[in-house]
Full PDB file with SEQRES, HELIX, SHEET, SSBOND, CRYST1, ORIGX, SCALE, CONECT and MASTER records, all heavy atoms in Angstrom:
SEQRES   1 A   32  LYS GLU ARG GLU GLY VAL SER CYS ILE SER ARG SER GLY          
SEQRES   2 A   32  GLY THR GLU ARG PHE ALA ASP ALA VAL GLU GLY ARG PHE          
SEQRES   3 A   32  THR ILE SER ARG ASP ASN                                      
SHEET    1 AA1 2 SER A   7  ILE A   9  0                                        
SHEET    2 AA1 2 GLU A  16  PHE A  18 -1                                        
CRYST1    1.000    1.000    1.000  90.00  90.00  90.00 P 1           1          
ORIGX1      1.000000  0.000000  0.000000        0.00000                         
ORIGX2      0.000000  1.000000  0.000000        0.00000                         
ORIGX3      0.000000  0.000000  1.000000        0.00000                         
SCALE1      1.000000  0.000000  0.000000        0.00000                         
SCALE2      0.000000  1.000000  0.000000        0.00000                         
SCALE3      0.000000  0.000000  1.000000        0.00000                         
ATOM      1  N   LYS A   1       0.835  -1.206   0.000  1.00  0.00           N  
ATOM      2  CA  LYS A   1       0.000   0.000   0.000  1.00  0.00           C  
ATOM      3  C   LYS A   1       0.866   1.251   0.000  1.00  0.00           C  
ATOM      4  O   LYS A   1       2.044   1.208   0.345  1.00  0.00           O  
ATOM      5  CB  LYS A   1      -0.932   0.006   1.214  1.00  0.00           C  
ATOM      6  CG  LYS A   1      -1.967  -1.107   1.205  1.00  0.00           C  
ATOM      7  CD  LYS A   1      -2.949  -0.937   2.348  1.00  0.00           C  
ATOM      8  CE  LYS A   1      -4.031  -2.012   2.287  1.00  0.00           C  
ATOM      9  NZ  LYS A   1      -5.016  -1.844   3.401  1.00  0.00           N  
ATOM     10  N   GLU A   2       0.276   2.351  -0.376  1.00  0.00           N  
ATOM     11  CA  GLU A   2       0.990   3.616  -0.369  1.00  0.00           C  
ATOM     12  C   GLU A   2       1.101   4.149   1.059  1.00  0.00           C  
ATOM     13  O   GLU A   2       0.279   3.833   1.929  1.00  0.00           O  
ATOM     14  CB  GLU A   2       0.254   4.639  -1.249  1.00  0.00           C  
ATOM     15  CG  GLU A   2       0.249   4.299  -2.718  1.00  0.00           C  
ATOM     16  CD  GLU A   2      -0.348   5.404  -3.563  1.00  0.00           C  
ATOM     17  OE1 GLU A   2      -0.884   6.371  -2.997  1.00  0.00           O  
ATOM     18  OE2 GLU A   2      -0.286   5.290  -4.805  1.00  0.00           O  
ATOM     19  N   ARG A   3       2.119   4.966   1.262  1.00  0.00           N  
ATOM     20  CA  ARG A   3       2.264   5.615   2.561  1.00  0.00           C  
ATOM     21  C   ARG A   3       1.117   6.589   2.757  1.00  0.00           C  
ATOM     22  O   ARG A   3       0.748   7.321   1.836  1.00  0.00           O  
ATOM     23  CB  ARG A   3       3.612   6.331   2.633  1.00  0.00           C  
ATOM     24  CG  ARG A   3       3.996   6.795   4.017  1.00  0.00           C  
ATOM     25  CD  ARG A   3       5.442   7.265   4.051  1.00  0.00           C  
ATOM     26  NE  ARG A   3       6.373   6.187   3.723  1.00  0.00           N  
ATOM     27  CZ  ARG A   3       7.700   6.291   3.818  1.00  0.00           C  
ATOM     28  NH1 ARG A   3       8.241   7.434   4.217  1.00  0.00           N  
ATOM     29  NH2 ARG A   3       8.470   5.283   3.494  1.00  0.00           N  
ATOM     30  N   GLU A   4       0.566   6.611   3.969  1.00  0.00           N  
ATOM     31  CA  GLU A   4      -0.579   7.474   4.241  1.00  0.00           C  
ATOM     32  C   GLU A   4      -0.385   8.240   5.538  1.00  0.00           C  
ATOM     33  O   GLU A   4       0.335   7.816   6.430  1.00  0.00           O  
ATOM     34  CB  GLU A   4      -1.863   6.634   4.347  1.00  0.00           C  
ATOM     35  CG  GLU A   4      -1.863   5.630   5.471  1.00  0.00           C  
ATOM     36  CD  GLU A   4      -3.157   4.847   5.579  1.00  0.00           C  
ATOM     37  OE1 GLU A   4      -4.081   5.069   4.769  1.00  0.00           O  
ATOM     38  OE2 GLU A   4      -3.250   4.002   6.494  1.00  0.00           O  
ATOM     39  N   GLY A   5      -1.048   9.373   5.629  1.00  0.00           N  
ATOM     40  CA  GLY A   5      -0.995  10.168   6.836  1.00  0.00           C  
ATOM     41  C   GLY A   5      -1.842   9.572   7.937  1.00  0.00           C  
ATOM     42  O   GLY A   5      -2.944   9.093   7.674  1.00  0.00           O  
ATOM     43  N   VAL A   6      -1.334   9.591   9.150  1.00  0.00           N  
ATOM     44  CA  VAL A   6      -2.051   9.091  10.323  1.00  0.00           C  
ATOM     45  C   VAL A   6      -2.482  10.258  11.205  1.00  0.00           C  
ATOM     46  O   VAL A   6      -3.655  10.417  11.518  1.00  0.00           O  
ATOM     47  CB  VAL A   6      -1.179   8.116  11.128  1.00  0.00           C  
ATOM     48  CG1 VAL A   6      -1.897   7.672  12.405  1.00  0.00           C  
ATOM     49  CG2 VAL A   6      -0.790   6.912  10.274  1.00  0.00           C  
ATOM     50  N   SER A   7      -1.510  11.087  11.585  1.00  0.00           N  
ATOM     51  CA  SER A   7      -1.804  12.223  12.452  1.00  0.00           C  
ATOM     52  C   SER A   7      -0.671  13.222  12.345  1.00  0.00           C  
ATOM     53  O   SER A   7       0.487  12.841  12.206  1.00  0.00           O  
ATOM     54  CB  SER A   7      -1.968  11.764  13.902  1.00  0.00           C  
ATOM     55  OG  SER A   7      -2.285  12.858  14.744  1.00  0.00           O  
ATOM     56  N   CYS A   8      -1.005  14.496  12.410  1.00  0.00           N  
ATOM     57  CA  CYS A   8      -0.005  15.547  12.337  1.00  0.00           C  
ATOM     58  C   CYS A   8      -0.292  16.599  13.403  1.00  0.00           C  
ATOM     59  O   CYS A   8      -1.446  16.798  13.802  1.00  0.00           O  
ATOM     60  CB  CYS A   8      -0.005  16.194  10.950  1.00  0.00           C  
ATOM     61  SG  CYS A   8       0.533  15.071   9.643  1.00  0.00           S  
ATOM     62  N   ILE A   9       0.760  17.274  13.829  1.00  0.00           N  
ATOM     63  CA  ILE A   9       0.634  18.269  14.884  1.00  0.00           C  
ATOM     64  C   ILE A   9       1.475  19.480  14.540  1.00  0.00           C  
ATOM     65  O   ILE A   9       2.588  19.362  14.015  1.00  0.00           O  
ATOM     66  CB  ILE A   9       1.042  17.656  16.251  1.00  0.00           C  
ATOM     67  CG1 ILE A   9       0.719  18.600  17.405  1.00  0.00           C  
ATOM     68  CG2 ILE A   9       2.514  17.243  16.255  1.00  0.00           C  
ATOM     69  CD1 ILE A   9       0.828  17.938  18.777  1.00  0.00           C  
ATOM     70  N   SER A  10       0.924  20.649  14.824  1.00  0.00           N  
ATOM     71  CA  SER A  10       1.636  21.880  14.520  1.00  0.00           C  
ATOM     72  C   SER A  10       2.788  22.103  15.495  1.00  0.00           C  
ATOM     73  O   SER A  10       2.894  21.443  16.534  1.00  0.00           O  
ATOM     74  CB  SER A  10       0.672  23.068  14.572  1.00  0.00           C  
ATOM     75  OG  SER A  10       0.143  23.197  15.883  1.00  0.00           O  
ATOM     76  N   ARG A  11       3.624  23.053  15.179  1.00  0.00           N  
ATOM     77  CA  ARG A  11       4.816  23.309  15.974  1.00  0.00           C  
ATOM     78  C   ARG A  11       4.501  23.612  17.436  1.00  0.00           C  
ATOM     79  O   ARG A  11       5.245  23.219  18.331  1.00  0.00           O  
ATOM     80  CB  ARG A  11       5.629  24.466  15.380  1.00  0.00           C  
ATOM     81  CG  ARG A  11       4.850  25.761  15.277  1.00  0.00           C  
ATOM     82  CD  ARG A  11       5.685  26.899  14.745  1.00  0.00           C  
ATOM     83  NE  ARG A  11       6.678  27.350  15.722  1.00  0.00           N  
ATOM     84  CZ  ARG A  11       7.442  28.408  15.563  1.00  0.00           C  
ATOM     85  NH1 ARG A  11       7.346  29.128  14.468  1.00  0.00           N  
ATOM     86  NH2 ARG A  11       8.321  28.754  16.482  1.00  0.00           N  
ATOM     87  N   SER A  12       3.404  24.277  17.685  1.00  0.00           N  
ATOM     88  CA  SER A  12       3.026  24.637  19.056  1.00  0.00           C  
ATOM     89  C   SER A  12       2.173  23.564  19.721  1.00  0.00           C  
ATOM     90  O   SER A  12       1.952  23.601  20.937  1.00  0.00           O  
ATOM     91  CB  SER A  12       2.239  25.940  19.047  1.00  0.00           C  
ATOM     92  OG  SER A  12       0.994  25.750  18.393  1.00  0.00           O  
ATOM     93  N   GLY A  13       1.668  22.630  18.920  1.00  0.00           N  
ATOM     94  CA  GLY A  13       0.746  21.633  19.445  1.00  0.00           C  
ATOM     95  C   GLY A  13      -0.695  22.085  19.422  1.00  0.00           C  
ATOM     96  O   GLY A  13      -1.590  21.346  19.835  1.00  0.00           O  
ATOM     97  N   GLY A  14      -0.951  23.292  18.935  1.00  0.00           N  
ATOM     98  CA  GLY A  14      -2.292  23.831  18.956  1.00  0.00           C  
ATOM     99  C   GLY A  14      -3.213  23.293  17.885  1.00  0.00           C  
ATOM    100  O   GLY A  14      -4.438  23.386  18.009  1.00  0.00           O  
ATOM    101  N   THR A  15      -2.644  22.723  16.838  1.00  0.00           N  
ATOM    102  CA  THR A  15      -3.450  22.161  15.747  1.00  0.00           C  
ATOM    103  C   THR A  15      -3.069  20.713  15.541  1.00  0.00           C  
ATOM    104  O   THR A  15      -1.886  20.383  15.477  1.00  0.00           O  
ATOM    105  CB  THR A  15      -3.229  22.938  14.442  1.00  0.00           C  
ATOM    106  OG1 THR A  15      -3.559  24.311  14.637  1.00  0.00           O  
ATOM    107  CG2 THR A  15      -4.112  22.372  13.336  1.00  0.00           C  
ATOM    108  N   GLU A  16      -4.082  19.870  15.457  1.00  0.00           N  
ATOM    109  CA  GLU A  16      -3.868  18.443  15.238  1.00  0.00           C  
ATOM    110  C   GLU A  16      -4.761  17.979  14.097  1.00  0.00           C  
ATOM    111  O   GLU A  16      -5.856  18.502  13.911  1.00  0.00           O  
ATOM    112  CB  GLU A  16      -4.202  17.645  16.507  1.00  0.00           C  
ATOM    113  CG  GLU A  16      -3.400  18.052  17.726  1.00  0.00           C  
ATOM    114  CD  GLU A  16      -3.903  17.388  19.000  1.00  0.00           C  
ATOM    115  OE1 GLU A  16      -4.913  16.663  18.940  1.00  0.00           O  
ATOM    116  OE2 GLU A  16      -3.279  17.595  20.052  1.00  0.00           O  
ATOM    117  N   ARG A  17      -4.280  17.002  13.376  1.00  0.00           N  
ATOM    118  CA  ARG A  17      -5.073  16.400  12.312  1.00  0.00           C  
ATOM    119  C   ARG A  17      -4.991  14.883  12.450  1.00  0.00           C  
ATOM    120  O   ARG A  17      -3.944  14.350  12.824  1.00  0.00           O  
ATOM    121  CB  ARG A  17      -4.558  16.810  10.940  1.00  0.00           C  
ATOM    122  CG  ARG A  17      -4.461  18.314  10.707  1.00  0.00           C  
ATOM    123  CD  ARG A  17      -4.263  18.626   9.242  1.00  0.00           C  
ATOM    124  NE  ARG A  17      -3.798  19.993   9.022  1.00  0.00           N  
ATOM    125  CZ  ARG A  17      -4.554  21.059   9.100  1.00  0.00           C  
ATOM    126  NH1 ARG A  17      -5.827  20.943   9.431  1.00  0.00           N  
ATOM    127  NH2 ARG A  17      -4.053  22.264   8.863  1.00  0.00           N  
ATOM    128  N   PHE A  18      -6.099  14.230  12.138  1.00  0.00           N  
ATOM    129  CA  PHE A  18      -6.141  12.776  12.239  1.00  0.00           C  
ATOM    130  C   PHE A  18      -6.801  12.198  10.994  1.00  0.00           C  
ATOM    131  O   PHE A  18      -7.755  12.762  10.460  1.00  0.00           O  
ATOM    132  CB  PHE A  18      -6.943  12.332  13.466  1.00  0.00           C  
ATOM    133  CG  PHE A  18      -6.302  12.708  14.768  1.00  0.00           C  
ATOM    134  CD1 PHE A  18      -6.624  13.897  15.388  1.00  0.00           C  
ATOM    135  CD2 PHE A  18      -5.371  11.869  15.358  1.00  0.00           C  
ATOM    136  CE1 PHE A  18      -6.025  14.261  16.583  1.00  0.00           C  
ATOM    137  CE2 PHE A  18      -4.761  12.215  16.552  1.00  0.00           C  
ATOM    138  CZ  PHE A  18      -5.086  13.417  17.168  1.00  0.00           C  
ATOM    139  N   ALA A  19      -6.302  11.060  10.572  1.00  0.00           N  
ATOM    140  CA  ALA A  19      -6.981  10.321   9.520  1.00  0.00           C  
ATOM    141  C   ALA A  19      -8.297   9.771  10.071  1.00  0.00           C  
ATOM    142  O   ALA A  19      -8.391   9.444  11.259  1.00  0.00           O  
ATOM    143  CB  ALA A  19      -6.103   9.179   9.034  1.00  0.00           C  
ATOM    144  N   ASP A  20      -9.285   9.658   9.211  1.00  0.00           N  
ATOM    145  CA  ASP A  20     -10.581   9.148   9.648  1.00  0.00           C  
ATOM    146  C   ASP A  20     -10.458   7.769  10.297  1.00  0.00           C  
ATOM    147  O   ASP A  20     -11.163   7.452  11.257  1.00  0.00           O  
ATOM    148  CB  ASP A  20     -11.539   9.062   8.448  1.00  0.00           C  
ATOM    149  CG  ASP A  20     -11.960  10.426   7.946  1.00  0.00           C  
ATOM    150  OD1 ASP A  20     -11.773  11.416   8.693  1.00  0.00           O  
ATOM    151  OD2 ASP A  20     -12.460  10.513   6.813  1.00  0.00           O  
ATOM    152  N   ALA A  21      -9.529   6.970   9.787  1.00  0.00           N  
ATOM    153  CA  ALA A  21      -9.400   5.594  10.266  1.00  0.00           C  
ATOM    154  C   ALA A  21      -8.929   5.498  11.708  1.00  0.00           C  
ATOM    155  O   ALA A  21      -9.119   4.464  12.361  1.00  0.00           O  
ATOM    156  CB  ALA A  21      -8.451   4.812   9.356  1.00  0.00           C  
ATOM    157  N   VAL A  22      -8.297   6.567  12.218  1.00  0.00           N  
ATOM    158  CA  VAL A  22      -7.751   6.516  13.576  1.00  0.00           C  
ATOM    159  C   VAL A  22      -8.397   7.525  14.510  1.00  0.00           C  
ATOM    160  O   VAL A  22      -8.106   7.539  15.709  1.00  0.00           O  
ATOM    161  CB  VAL A  22      -6.218   6.734  13.564  1.00  0.00           C  
ATOM    162  CG1 VAL A  22      -5.552   5.757  12.613  1.00  0.00           C  
ATOM    163  CG2 VAL A  22      -5.866   8.173  13.208  1.00  0.00           C  
ATOM    164  N   GLU A  23      -9.265   8.379  13.980  1.00  0.00           N  
ATOM    165  CA  GLU A  23      -9.924   9.397  14.795  1.00  0.00           C  
ATOM    166  C   GLU A  23     -10.636   8.734  15.974  1.00  0.00           C  
ATOM    167  O   GLU A  23     -11.364   7.757  15.820  1.00  0.00           O  
ATOM    168  CB  GLU A  23     -10.950  10.147  13.933  1.00  0.00           C  
ATOM    169  CG  GLU A  23     -11.663  11.276  14.648  1.00  0.00           C  
ATOM    170  CD  GLU A  23     -10.860  12.564  14.661  1.00  0.00           C  
ATOM    171  OE1 GLU A  23     -10.441  12.994  13.576  1.00  0.00           O  
ATOM    172  OE2 GLU A  23     -10.687  13.131  15.751  1.00  0.00           O  
ATOM    173  N   GLY A  24     -10.385   9.266  17.174  1.00  0.00           N  
ATOM    174  CA  GLY A  24     -11.008   8.726  18.367  1.00  0.00           C  
ATOM    175  C   GLY A  24     -10.235   7.597  19.023  1.00  0.00           C  
ATOM    176  O   GLY A  24     -10.526   7.227  20.167  1.00  0.00           O  
ATOM    177  N   ARG A  25      -9.262   7.039  18.330  1.00  0.00           N  
ATOM    178  CA  ARG A  25      -8.450   5.953  18.905  1.00  0.00           C  
ATOM    179  C   ARG A  25      -7.007   6.397  19.153  1.00  0.00           C  
ATOM    180  O   ARG A  25      -6.369   5.947  20.111  1.00  0.00           O  
ATOM    181  CB  ARG A  25      -8.432   4.742  17.964  1.00  0.00           C  
ATOM    182  CG  ARG A  25      -9.792   4.124  17.713  1.00  0.00           C  
ATOM    183  CD  ARG A  25      -9.665   2.811  16.925  1.00  0.00           C  
ATOM    184  NE  ARG A  25      -9.118   3.011  15.597  1.00  0.00           N  
ATOM    185  CZ  ARG A  25      -8.030   2.400  15.139  1.00  0.00           C  
ATOM    186  NH1 ARG A  25      -7.364   1.561  15.909  1.00  0.00           N  
ATOM    187  NH2 ARG A  25      -7.616   2.619  13.901  1.00  0.00           N  
ATOM    188  N   PHE A  26      -6.499   7.257  18.294  1.00  0.00           N  
ATOM    189  CA  PHE A  26      -5.113   7.709  18.404  1.00  0.00           C  
ATOM    190  C   PHE A  26      -5.092   9.157  18.893  1.00  0.00           C  
ATOM    191  O   PHE A  26      -5.980   9.953  18.564  1.00  0.00           O  
ATOM    192  CB  PHE A  26      -4.411   7.658  17.048  1.00  0.00           C  
ATOM    193  CG  PHE A  26      -4.153   6.272  16.503  1.00  0.00           C  
ATOM    194  CD1 PHE A  26      -4.705   5.138  17.087  1.00  0.00           C  
ATOM    195  CD2 PHE A  26      -3.338   6.103  15.397  1.00  0.00           C  
ATOM    196  CE1 PHE A  26      -4.461   3.876  16.580  1.00  0.00           C  
ATOM    197  CE2 PHE A  26      -3.082   4.848  14.879  1.00  0.00           C  
ATOM    198  CZ  PHE A  26      -3.647   3.735  15.470  1.00  0.00           C  
ATOM    199  N   THR A  27      -4.075   9.483  19.663  1.00  0.00           N  
ATOM    200  CA  THR A  27      -3.822  10.867  20.036  1.00  0.00           C  
ATOM    201  C   THR A  27      -2.373  11.202  19.743  1.00  0.00           C  
ATOM    202  O   THR A  27      -1.502  10.328  19.764  1.00  0.00           O  
ATOM    203  CB  THR A  27      -4.130  11.127  21.522  1.00  0.00           C  
ATOM    204  OG1 THR A  27      -3.311  10.276  22.327  1.00  0.00           O  
ATOM    205  CG2 THR A  27      -5.598  10.893  21.838  1.00  0.00           C  
ATOM    206  N   ILE A  28      -2.131  12.462  19.468  1.00  0.00           N  
ATOM    207  CA  ILE A  28      -0.786  12.929  19.184  1.00  0.00           C  
ATOM    208  C   ILE A  28      -0.442  14.030  20.162  1.00  0.00           C  
ATOM    209  O   ILE A  28      -1.301  14.825  20.557  1.00  0.00           O  
ATOM    210  CB  ILE A  28      -0.669  13.424  17.715  1.00  0.00           C  
ATOM    211  CG1 ILE A  28       0.782  13.677  17.333  1.00  0.00           C  
ATOM    212  CG2 ILE A  28      -1.552  14.645  17.470  1.00  0.00           C  
ATOM    213  CD1 ILE A  28       0.975  13.926  15.833  1.00  0.00           C  
ATOM    214  N   SER A  29       0.802  14.061  20.595  1.00  0.00           N  
ATOM    215  CA  SER A  29       1.239  15.095  21.518  1.00  0.00           C  
ATOM    216  C   SER A  29       2.719  15.347  21.299  1.00  0.00           C  
ATOM    217  O   SER A  29       3.404  14.562  20.629  1.00  0.00           O  
ATOM    218  CB  SER A  29       0.971  14.667  22.968  1.00  0.00           C  
ATOM    219  OG  SER A  29       1.697  13.492  23.293  1.00  0.00           O  
ATOM    220  N   ARG A  30       3.200  16.430  21.852  1.00  0.00           N  
ATOM    221  CA  ARG A  30       4.611  16.741  21.712  1.00  0.00           C  
ATOM    222  C   ARG A  30       5.136  17.365  22.989  1.00  0.00           C  
ATOM    223  O   ARG A  30       4.407  18.082  23.690  1.00  0.00           O  
ATOM    224  CB  ARG A  30       4.859  17.647  20.510  1.00  0.00           C  
ATOM    225  CG  ARG A  30       4.227  19.023  20.564  1.00  0.00           C  
ATOM    226  CD  ARG A  30       4.328  19.731  19.207  1.00  0.00           C  
ATOM    227  NE  ARG A  30       5.727  19.878  18.806  1.00  0.00           N  
ATOM    228  CZ  ARG A  30       6.126  20.070  17.549  1.00  0.00           C  
ATOM    229  NH1 ARG A  30       5.224  20.139  16.569  1.00  0.00           N  
ATOM    230  NH2 ARG A  30       7.398  20.207  17.257  1.00  0.00           N  
ATOM    231  N   ASP A  31       6.387  17.077  23.274  1.00  0.00           N  
ATOM    232  CA  ASP A  31       7.099  17.683  24.389  1.00  0.00           C  
ATOM    233  C   ASP A  31       8.328  18.346  23.789  1.00  0.00           C  
ATOM    234  O   ASP A  31       9.355  17.700  23.574  1.00  0.00           O  
ATOM    235  CB  ASP A  31       7.478  16.615  25.424  1.00  0.00           C  
ATOM    236  CG  ASP A  31       8.114  17.208  26.670  1.00  0.00           C  
ATOM    237  OD1 ASP A  31       8.625  18.350  26.597  1.00  0.00           O  
ATOM    238  OD2 ASP A  31       8.106  16.532  27.708  1.00  0.00           O  
ATOM    239  N   ASN A  32       8.200  19.613  23.491  1.00  0.00           N  
ATOM    240  CA  ASN A  32       9.287  20.304  22.806  1.00  0.00           C  
ATOM    241  C   ASN A  32      10.546  20.399  23.661  1.00  0.00           C  
ATOM    242  O   ASN A  32      11.662  20.446  23.134  1.00  0.00           O  
ATOM    243  CB  ASN A  32       8.836  21.690  22.360  1.00  0.00           C  
ATOM    244  CG  ASN A  32       7.879  21.634  21.179  1.00  0.00           C  
ATOM    245  OD1 ASN A  32       7.922  20.698  20.379  1.00  0.00           O  
ATOM    246  ND2 ASN A  32       7.010  22.613  21.064  1.00  0.00           N  
TER     247      ASN A  32                                                      
MASTER        0    0    0    0    2    0    0    6  246    1    0    3          
END                                                                             
């Protein structure tokens, strides 16, 4: 399969994006 996006987070952590397939199951966070 092709590479696909799962989740992305902005530099500050204020914006997050999730693929429909993982929404509600996966969370993303960062500790700068």
